Protein backbone atom coordinates (compact mmCIF):
# COMPACT_ATOMS: atom_id res chain seq x y z
CA MET A 1 -46.45 22.63 -59.76
CA GLN A 2 -48.96 19.84 -60.23
CA ALA A 3 -51.92 22.23 -60.09
CA VAL A 4 -50.34 24.29 -62.89
CA VAL A 5 -49.92 21.14 -64.98
CA ILE A 6 -53.57 20.19 -64.47
CA ALA A 7 -54.72 23.73 -65.36
CA TRP A 8 -52.69 23.75 -68.59
CA LEU A 9 -53.75 20.22 -69.53
CA ALA A 10 -57.38 21.28 -69.01
CA TRP A 11 -56.95 24.02 -71.61
CA GLU A 12 -54.97 21.81 -73.99
CA VAL A 13 -57.54 19.00 -73.87
CA THR A 14 -60.76 21.06 -73.96
CA LYS A 15 -59.90 24.54 -75.35
CA SER A 16 -62.86 25.67 -73.26
CA GLY A 17 -62.97 28.39 -70.62
CA ASP A 18 -66.00 26.67 -69.11
CA TRP A 19 -64.06 23.44 -68.59
CA VAL A 20 -61.04 25.25 -67.18
CA GLY A 21 -63.32 27.08 -64.72
CA ALA A 22 -65.09 23.83 -63.78
CA ILE A 23 -61.81 22.03 -63.12
CA GLY A 24 -60.57 25.00 -61.06
CA PHE A 25 -63.83 24.82 -59.09
CA ALA A 26 -63.36 21.07 -58.60
CA GLU A 27 -59.87 21.68 -57.23
CA PHE A 28 -60.69 24.40 -54.72
CA MET A 29 -64.22 23.60 -53.55
CA PRO A 30 -63.22 20.30 -51.83
CA ILE A 31 -60.69 22.33 -49.83
CA ALA A 32 -63.50 24.54 -48.57
CA LEU A 33 -65.72 21.57 -47.72
CA ILE A 34 -63.15 19.50 -45.84
CA ALA A 35 -61.03 22.22 -44.16
CA PRO A 36 -63.33 22.81 -41.13
CA PHE A 37 -63.39 19.06 -40.41
CA SER A 38 -59.65 18.65 -40.88
CA GLY A 39 -59.17 21.66 -38.58
CA SER A 40 -60.92 19.71 -35.83
CA PHE A 41 -58.61 16.76 -36.40
CA VAL A 42 -55.63 19.09 -36.21
CA ASN A 43 -56.74 20.03 -32.69
CA LYS A 44 -57.14 16.38 -31.70
CA LEU A 45 -54.17 14.71 -33.43
CA GLY A 46 -51.74 17.58 -33.86
CA PRO A 47 -50.77 19.34 -37.11
CA ARG A 48 -47.65 17.26 -37.78
CA LYS A 49 -49.58 13.98 -38.18
CA ILE A 50 -52.13 15.60 -40.51
CA ILE A 51 -49.36 17.08 -42.66
CA LEU A 52 -47.61 13.72 -42.99
CA ALA A 53 -50.85 11.91 -43.89
CA SER A 54 -51.79 14.50 -46.53
CA GLN A 55 -48.37 14.27 -48.14
CA MET A 56 -48.59 10.49 -48.34
CA ILE A 57 -51.88 10.79 -50.23
CA GLY A 58 -50.31 13.53 -52.35
CA ILE A 59 -47.58 11.13 -53.41
CA LEU A 60 -50.26 8.66 -54.52
CA HIS A 61 -51.97 11.46 -56.47
CA SER A 62 -48.76 12.36 -58.30
CA THR A 63 -48.13 8.71 -59.10
CA LEU A 64 -51.66 8.32 -60.48
CA LEU A 65 -51.29 11.33 -62.79
CA ILE A 66 -47.95 9.99 -64.03
CA PHE A 67 -49.55 6.65 -64.92
CA ILE A 68 -52.42 8.38 -66.75
CA LEU A 69 -49.98 10.46 -68.79
CA ARG A 70 -47.89 7.40 -69.61
CA LEU A 71 -50.93 5.36 -70.69
CA GLY A 72 -52.39 8.21 -72.73
CA GLY A 73 -55.80 8.11 -71.08
CA LEU A 74 -56.12 11.85 -70.48
CA SER A 75 -59.66 13.24 -70.66
CA PRO A 76 -61.68 16.11 -69.11
CA LEU A 77 -63.30 13.63 -66.72
CA ASN A 78 -59.90 12.32 -65.56
CA LEU A 79 -58.67 15.85 -64.97
CA LEU A 80 -61.85 16.66 -63.05
CA CYS A 81 -61.35 13.67 -60.74
CA LEU A 82 -57.68 14.50 -60.22
CA ALA A 83 -58.58 18.10 -59.39
CA ILE A 84 -61.09 16.93 -56.78
CA LEU A 85 -58.49 14.63 -55.21
CA ILE A 86 -55.83 17.32 -55.00
CA GLY A 87 -58.44 19.59 -53.42
CA LEU A 88 -59.16 17.03 -50.72
CA ILE A 89 -55.44 16.67 -50.04
CA ASP A 90 -54.94 20.43 -49.73
CA GLY A 91 -58.03 20.70 -47.51
CA CYS A 92 -56.25 18.53 -44.96
CA PHE A 93 -52.83 20.07 -45.43
CA HIS A 94 -53.44 23.83 -45.25
CA PRO A 95 -55.10 24.13 -41.81
CA ALA A 96 -52.38 21.93 -40.31
CA ASN A 97 -49.62 23.87 -42.06
CA LEU A 98 -50.92 27.16 -40.66
CA ALA A 99 -51.66 25.78 -37.19
CA ILE A 100 -48.20 24.25 -36.68
CA THR A 101 -46.64 27.74 -36.60
CA GLY A 102 -48.06 28.35 -33.14
CA GLU A 103 -46.40 25.20 -31.84
CA LEU A 104 -42.96 26.03 -33.20
CA VAL A 105 -42.46 29.66 -32.11
CA GLU A 106 -43.17 31.85 -29.09
CA LYS A 107 -46.24 34.08 -29.16
CA SER A 108 -44.16 37.25 -29.42
CA LEU A 109 -42.68 35.93 -32.68
CA LEU A 110 -45.99 34.92 -34.32
CA SER A 111 -46.22 38.01 -36.52
CA SER A 112 -42.69 37.54 -37.84
CA ALA A 113 -43.34 33.82 -38.27
CA ALA A 114 -46.43 34.64 -40.34
CA VAL A 115 -44.29 36.79 -42.63
CA VAL A 116 -41.69 34.04 -43.06
CA ASN A 117 -44.34 31.36 -43.58
CA SER A 118 -46.16 33.46 -46.18
CA ALA A 119 -42.91 34.38 -47.94
CA VAL A 120 -41.83 30.73 -48.18
CA GLN A 121 -45.24 29.69 -49.50
CA ASN A 122 -45.19 32.45 -52.09
CA PHE A 123 -41.61 31.60 -53.06
CA CYS A 124 -42.77 28.06 -53.79
CA PHE A 125 -45.78 29.55 -55.57
CA PHE A 126 -43.26 31.39 -57.78
CA LEU A 127 -40.74 28.60 -58.22
CA GLY A 128 -43.31 25.82 -58.81
CA PRO A 129 -45.09 27.40 -61.79
CA LEU A 130 -41.79 28.63 -63.19
CA ALA A 131 -40.33 25.12 -63.05
CA ALA A 132 -43.58 23.67 -64.42
CA GLY A 133 -43.53 26.14 -67.31
CA VAL A 134 -39.94 25.27 -68.20
CA LEU A 135 -40.69 21.55 -68.08
CA LEU A 136 -43.94 21.96 -70.06
CA THR A 137 -42.18 24.02 -72.73
CA MET A 138 -38.90 22.10 -73.04
CA PHE A 139 -40.05 18.57 -72.21
CA SER A 140 -43.57 17.39 -71.35
CA PRO A 141 -46.16 17.38 -68.52
CA LEU A 142 -44.79 13.99 -67.47
CA TYR A 143 -41.48 15.50 -66.37
CA ALA A 144 -43.28 18.20 -64.41
CA CYS A 145 -45.29 15.54 -62.56
CA LEU A 146 -42.15 13.53 -61.78
CA THR A 147 -40.53 16.64 -60.33
CA SER A 148 -43.65 17.34 -58.25
CA LEU A 149 -43.53 13.77 -56.91
CA ALA A 150 -39.90 14.19 -55.88
CA CYS A 151 -40.71 17.47 -54.08
CA ARG A 152 -43.51 15.83 -52.11
CA VAL A 153 -41.19 13.05 -50.97
CA LEU A 154 -38.52 15.54 -49.86
CA PHE A 155 -41.09 17.66 -48.01
CA MET A 156 -42.45 14.61 -46.22
CA VAL A 157 -38.96 13.64 -45.07
CA ALA A 158 -38.34 17.20 -43.79
CA ILE A 159 -41.63 17.31 -41.84
CA GLY A 160 -40.83 13.92 -40.34
CA LYS A 161 -37.76 15.44 -38.69
CA ILE A 162 -39.73 18.26 -37.01
CA SER A 163 -40.69 17.81 -33.40
CA SER A 164 -43.58 20.16 -32.59
CA ARG A 165 -44.94 20.82 -29.14
CA SER A 166 -47.93 22.71 -27.82
CA ARG A 167 -46.93 25.81 -25.89
CA GLY A 168 -50.42 26.33 -24.49
CA TYR A 169 -50.35 30.13 -24.47
CA ASN A 170 -53.44 32.33 -24.47
CA SER A 171 -54.41 35.22 -26.70
CA VAL A 172 -53.64 38.72 -25.52
CA HIS A 173 -57.38 39.32 -25.77
CA GLU A 174 -58.42 36.53 -23.40
CA GLN A 175 -59.20 39.01 -20.65
CA ALA A 176 -61.53 40.89 -23.02
CA GLY A 177 -63.67 37.80 -23.45
CA ARG A 178 -63.21 37.76 -27.22
CA ILE A 179 -63.33 33.97 -27.43
CA SER A 180 -62.86 31.01 -25.15
CA VAL A 181 -60.90 27.90 -26.05
CA SER A 182 -64.14 25.91 -26.30
CA ASP A 183 -65.64 28.12 -29.01
CA ASP A 184 -65.43 27.15 -32.67
CA GLY A 185 -63.75 28.95 -35.51
CA TRP A 186 -66.89 30.75 -36.68
CA LYS A 187 -67.33 32.54 -33.39
CA PHE A 188 -63.74 33.75 -33.58
CA PHE A 189 -64.32 35.47 -36.92
CA PHE A 190 -67.69 36.94 -35.97
CA SER A 191 -66.73 37.96 -32.43
CA ASN A 192 -66.13 41.60 -33.49
CA ASN A 193 -66.11 43.92 -36.49
CA GLN A 194 -62.36 43.67 -37.05
CA THR A 195 -62.18 39.90 -37.47
CA SER A 196 -65.32 39.99 -39.64
CA ALA A 197 -63.73 42.65 -41.86
CA ILE A 198 -60.57 40.55 -42.14
CA LEU A 199 -62.65 37.60 -43.34
CA ILE A 200 -64.52 39.77 -45.87
CA GLY A 201 -61.23 41.09 -47.22
CA CYS A 202 -59.85 37.56 -47.51
CA ALA A 203 -62.97 36.38 -49.36
CA SER A 204 -62.90 39.34 -51.76
CA VAL A 205 -59.29 38.82 -52.82
CA SER A 206 -59.93 35.09 -53.20
CA LEU A 207 -63.07 35.63 -55.30
CA THR A 208 -61.14 37.90 -57.66
CA ALA A 209 -57.33 37.91 -57.77
CA ARG A 210 -56.70 34.40 -56.46
CA ALA A 211 -59.57 32.98 -58.54
CA LEU A 212 -57.95 34.36 -61.69
CA ILE A 213 -55.00 31.99 -61.31
CA PRO A 214 -56.84 28.67 -61.97
CA VAL A 215 -58.41 30.13 -65.13
CA LEU A 216 -55.33 32.05 -66.25
CA SER A 217 -54.67 29.44 -68.95
CA ALA A 218 -58.01 30.32 -70.58
CA PHE A 219 -57.30 34.06 -70.23
CA VAL A 220 -53.91 33.64 -71.90
CA GLY A 221 -55.30 31.43 -74.66
CA GLU A 222 -58.61 33.15 -75.47
CA THR A 223 -57.85 36.80 -74.73
CA LEU A 224 -54.13 37.15 -75.40
CA HIS A 225 -53.83 34.28 -77.92
CA GLU A 226 -50.55 33.16 -76.37
CA GLY A 227 -49.16 29.72 -75.49
CA SER A 228 -47.71 27.82 -72.54
CA GLU A 229 -44.66 30.12 -72.27
CA MET A 230 -46.87 33.14 -71.58
CA PHE A 231 -49.01 31.12 -69.17
CA ALA A 232 -46.01 29.90 -67.19
CA ALA A 233 -44.44 33.36 -67.15
CA GLY A 234 -47.69 34.91 -65.94
CA VAL A 235 -48.20 32.44 -63.10
CA GLY A 236 -44.52 32.70 -62.17
CA LEU A 237 -44.68 36.50 -62.01
CA ILE A 238 -47.80 36.35 -59.85
CA GLY A 239 -45.85 34.11 -57.50
CA ALA A 240 -42.81 36.40 -57.55
CA GLY A 241 -45.03 39.38 -56.77
CA ALA A 242 -46.72 37.49 -53.94
CA MET A 243 -43.34 36.60 -52.46
CA ALA A 244 -42.25 40.26 -52.59
CA GLY A 245 -45.59 41.38 -51.15
CA SER A 246 -45.10 39.09 -48.16
CA PHE A 247 -42.13 41.15 -46.99
CA LEU A 248 -44.03 44.44 -47.33
CA GLN A 249 -45.88 43.44 -44.17
CA GLY A 250 -42.67 44.43 -42.43
CA GLY A 251 -43.29 42.29 -39.36
CA GLU A 252 -46.32 44.38 -38.39
CA ARG A 253 -47.08 43.56 -34.76
CA THR A 254 -50.38 45.35 -34.19
CA GLU A 255 -53.94 44.49 -35.18
CA LEU A 256 -54.58 47.99 -36.51
CA GLY A 257 -51.47 47.77 -38.65
CA CYS A 258 -52.63 44.48 -40.15
CA LEU A 259 -56.10 45.92 -40.86
CA LYS A 260 -54.55 48.86 -42.67
CA LEU A 261 -52.34 46.49 -44.64
CA VAL A 262 -55.35 44.41 -45.74
CA ARG A 263 -57.20 47.60 -46.75
CA ASN A 264 -54.25 48.75 -48.88
CA GLY A 265 -53.94 45.28 -50.41
CA LEU A 266 -57.58 45.37 -51.52
CA LEU A 267 -57.15 48.77 -53.18
CA TYR A 268 -53.98 47.62 -54.98
CA THR A 269 -55.82 44.48 -56.09
CA ALA A 270 -58.62 46.58 -57.60
CA ALA A 271 -56.08 48.72 -59.48
CA SER A 272 -54.34 45.62 -60.86
CA LEU A 273 -57.63 44.09 -62.01
CA PHE A 274 -58.55 47.32 -63.77
CA GLY A 275 -55.16 47.15 -65.50
CA LEU A 276 -55.81 43.61 -66.73
CA ALA A 277 -59.19 44.74 -68.08
CA ILE A 278 -57.61 47.57 -70.06
CA PHE A 279 -54.25 46.35 -71.37
CA ARG A 280 -53.67 43.58 -73.93
CA SER A 281 -49.96 43.92 -74.67
CA PRO A 282 -48.22 40.76 -73.38
CA GLU A 283 -45.38 42.77 -71.85
CA VAL A 284 -47.72 45.11 -69.98
CA VAL A 285 -49.97 42.23 -68.90
CA LEU A 286 -46.96 40.49 -67.35
CA LEU A 287 -46.14 43.61 -65.35
CA VAL A 288 -49.74 43.85 -64.17
CA LEU A 289 -49.72 40.17 -63.18
CA PHE A 290 -46.62 40.82 -61.06
CA SER A 291 -48.49 43.72 -59.44
CA LEU A 292 -51.47 41.44 -58.85
CA GLY A 293 -49.22 38.92 -57.13
CA LEU A 294 -47.79 41.72 -54.99
CA THR A 295 -51.27 42.59 -53.75
CA ILE A 296 -52.06 38.93 -53.03
CA GLY A 297 -48.90 38.72 -50.91
CA VAL A 298 -49.67 41.93 -48.99
CA ASN A 299 -53.26 40.93 -48.27
CA GLY A 300 -52.48 37.31 -47.43
CA THR A 301 -49.63 38.12 -45.06
CA GLY A 302 -51.59 40.86 -43.28
CA THR A 303 -54.57 38.52 -42.86
CA GLN A 304 -52.47 35.62 -41.64
CA ALA A 305 -50.51 37.79 -39.20
CA TYR A 306 -53.74 39.19 -37.75
CA ILE A 307 -55.20 35.72 -37.21
CA GLN A 308 -51.96 34.37 -35.72
CA MET A 309 -51.81 37.24 -33.24
CA THR A 310 -55.45 37.08 -32.14
CA SER A 311 -56.15 33.33 -32.10
CA PHE A 312 -55.70 30.93 -29.23
CA ASP A 313 -53.45 27.91 -29.31
CA LYS A 314 -55.98 25.17 -28.56
CA PRO A 315 -58.67 25.95 -31.16
CA ARG A 316 -56.09 27.05 -33.73
CA GLY A 317 -56.90 24.13 -36.01
CA LYS A 318 -60.61 25.04 -36.17
CA ILE A 319 -59.85 28.73 -36.67
CA PHE A 320 -57.51 28.07 -39.57
CA GLY A 321 -59.92 25.46 -40.90
CA ILE A 322 -62.54 28.21 -41.32
CA TYR A 323 -59.91 30.54 -42.79
CA VAL A 324 -58.85 27.93 -45.36
CA MET A 325 -62.50 27.15 -46.13
CA VAL A 326 -63.29 30.80 -46.93
CA LEU A 327 -60.00 31.33 -48.75
CA ASN A 328 -60.32 28.36 -51.09
CA GLY A 329 -64.11 28.22 -51.32
CA SER A 330 -64.03 31.77 -52.63
CA VAL A 331 -61.36 30.80 -55.15
CA ALA A 332 -63.55 27.92 -56.35
CA LEU A 333 -66.64 30.10 -56.78
CA GLY A 334 -64.68 32.98 -58.26
CA GLY A 335 -62.82 30.75 -60.73
CA LEU A 336 -66.09 29.20 -61.88
CA PHE A 337 -67.66 32.64 -62.34
CA ILE A 338 -64.67 34.21 -64.09
CA GLY A 339 -64.17 31.24 -66.42
CA SER A 340 -67.84 30.96 -67.39
CA ALA A 341 -68.76 34.64 -67.46
CA SER A 342 -65.70 35.52 -69.55
CA SER A 343 -66.88 33.11 -72.26
CA TYR A 344 -70.14 35.06 -72.62
CA LEU A 345 -69.44 38.62 -71.48
CA GLY A 346 -65.75 38.90 -72.28
CA SER A 347 -62.92 39.11 -69.78
CA LYS A 348 -62.87 42.93 -69.72
CA TRP A 349 -66.20 43.44 -67.94
CA VAL A 350 -65.70 40.48 -65.66
CA LEU A 351 -62.38 41.93 -64.46
CA VAL A 352 -64.01 45.34 -63.94
CA ALA A 353 -66.70 43.72 -61.79
CA CYS A 354 -63.99 41.98 -59.74
CA ALA A 355 -62.20 45.30 -59.23
CA VAL A 356 -65.40 46.97 -58.01
CA LEU A 357 -65.91 44.15 -55.49
CA CYS A 358 -62.43 44.72 -54.06
CA VAL A 359 -63.10 48.46 -53.70
CA ALA A 360 -66.30 47.71 -51.79
CA ALA A 361 -64.44 45.31 -49.48
CA ALA A 362 -61.73 47.94 -48.92
CA LEU A 363 -64.41 50.39 -47.75
CA ILE A 364 -65.70 47.83 -45.22
CA VAL A 365 -62.19 47.21 -43.86
CA THR A 366 -61.56 50.98 -43.72
CA ILE A 367 -64.70 51.53 -41.62
CA SER A 368 -63.65 48.74 -39.27
CA TRP A 369 -60.11 50.17 -39.02
CA ARG A 370 -61.41 53.66 -38.17
CA ASN A 371 -63.83 52.31 -35.56
CA ALA A 372 -61.01 50.32 -33.94
CA ARG A 373 -58.87 53.46 -33.68
CA LYS A 374 -61.49 55.30 -31.62
């Protein structure tokens, strides 16, 4: 919710796609920079402590934004600093949030847990922007920030009541020598063609579809000439599609099944991006944005399920630290490129280029999937 408020305020204050892209970059790049280090701390301290600490800082962030809005000192520089801070918070939170799953469920349930975890995240991704849009339209950004603050407090209380424990189980691939518990996250992803392909697919979707979300306010304002209602509806529909896409994974319990799911998600993402490049009717664009969210959910859940099934328990923090780094670092770079390039080349050709990138990534995953079947 708070990220949506910052994105819309960036457009309202600057009316510049360059600024919106820069602020999106400032939000996501710190996640990429800090996630590998926070992943190491997750291994040492446990995910629950890291989650609690990040939420405490998040409460301070929400309070700071509320004070700035009340005092009327909003500026592009303030928004840039707030975006960097929220990125640092998320860089600590996301690896711990993903790693804690392995401490709460048995290994045989990891795939199903990944589906549930992804679905809940995407539900919040749908509900947060929807609530933010309603509050932005009917009231003001201040009310959206107050609601975000209340949600952080409630979440922190809920996490405080969870008692996690390390189950200490090994990967089903331990006997194959895929990775030892002393290896870092990078070796996990480059240990074979399948994990490398998964990482490439994750990066491609993040560089394109996910990166479109931070600069969606500029796309709505410059290309569609619509206001905050259209922006909120678009982000909300992306979230609704992502939530629905999470369940399309269907509790897939095999690595090959997850690879195929990621491949399909990349192809659907390319089709959705082509649709955004072609259509300009607000009604059609909203349908395409829902489809785009659907592909994000399919790809994200397939990727997360694959990593959960093939990662060890002990280095899980480092592994998900690398995953979060690639996921959000790609969003930062992609958002900066889309926001800036669209100002000079137009959004149509930028979206076409993004679609072509997803097709290329789908080919790589397809080759890896076919090789794994042999």
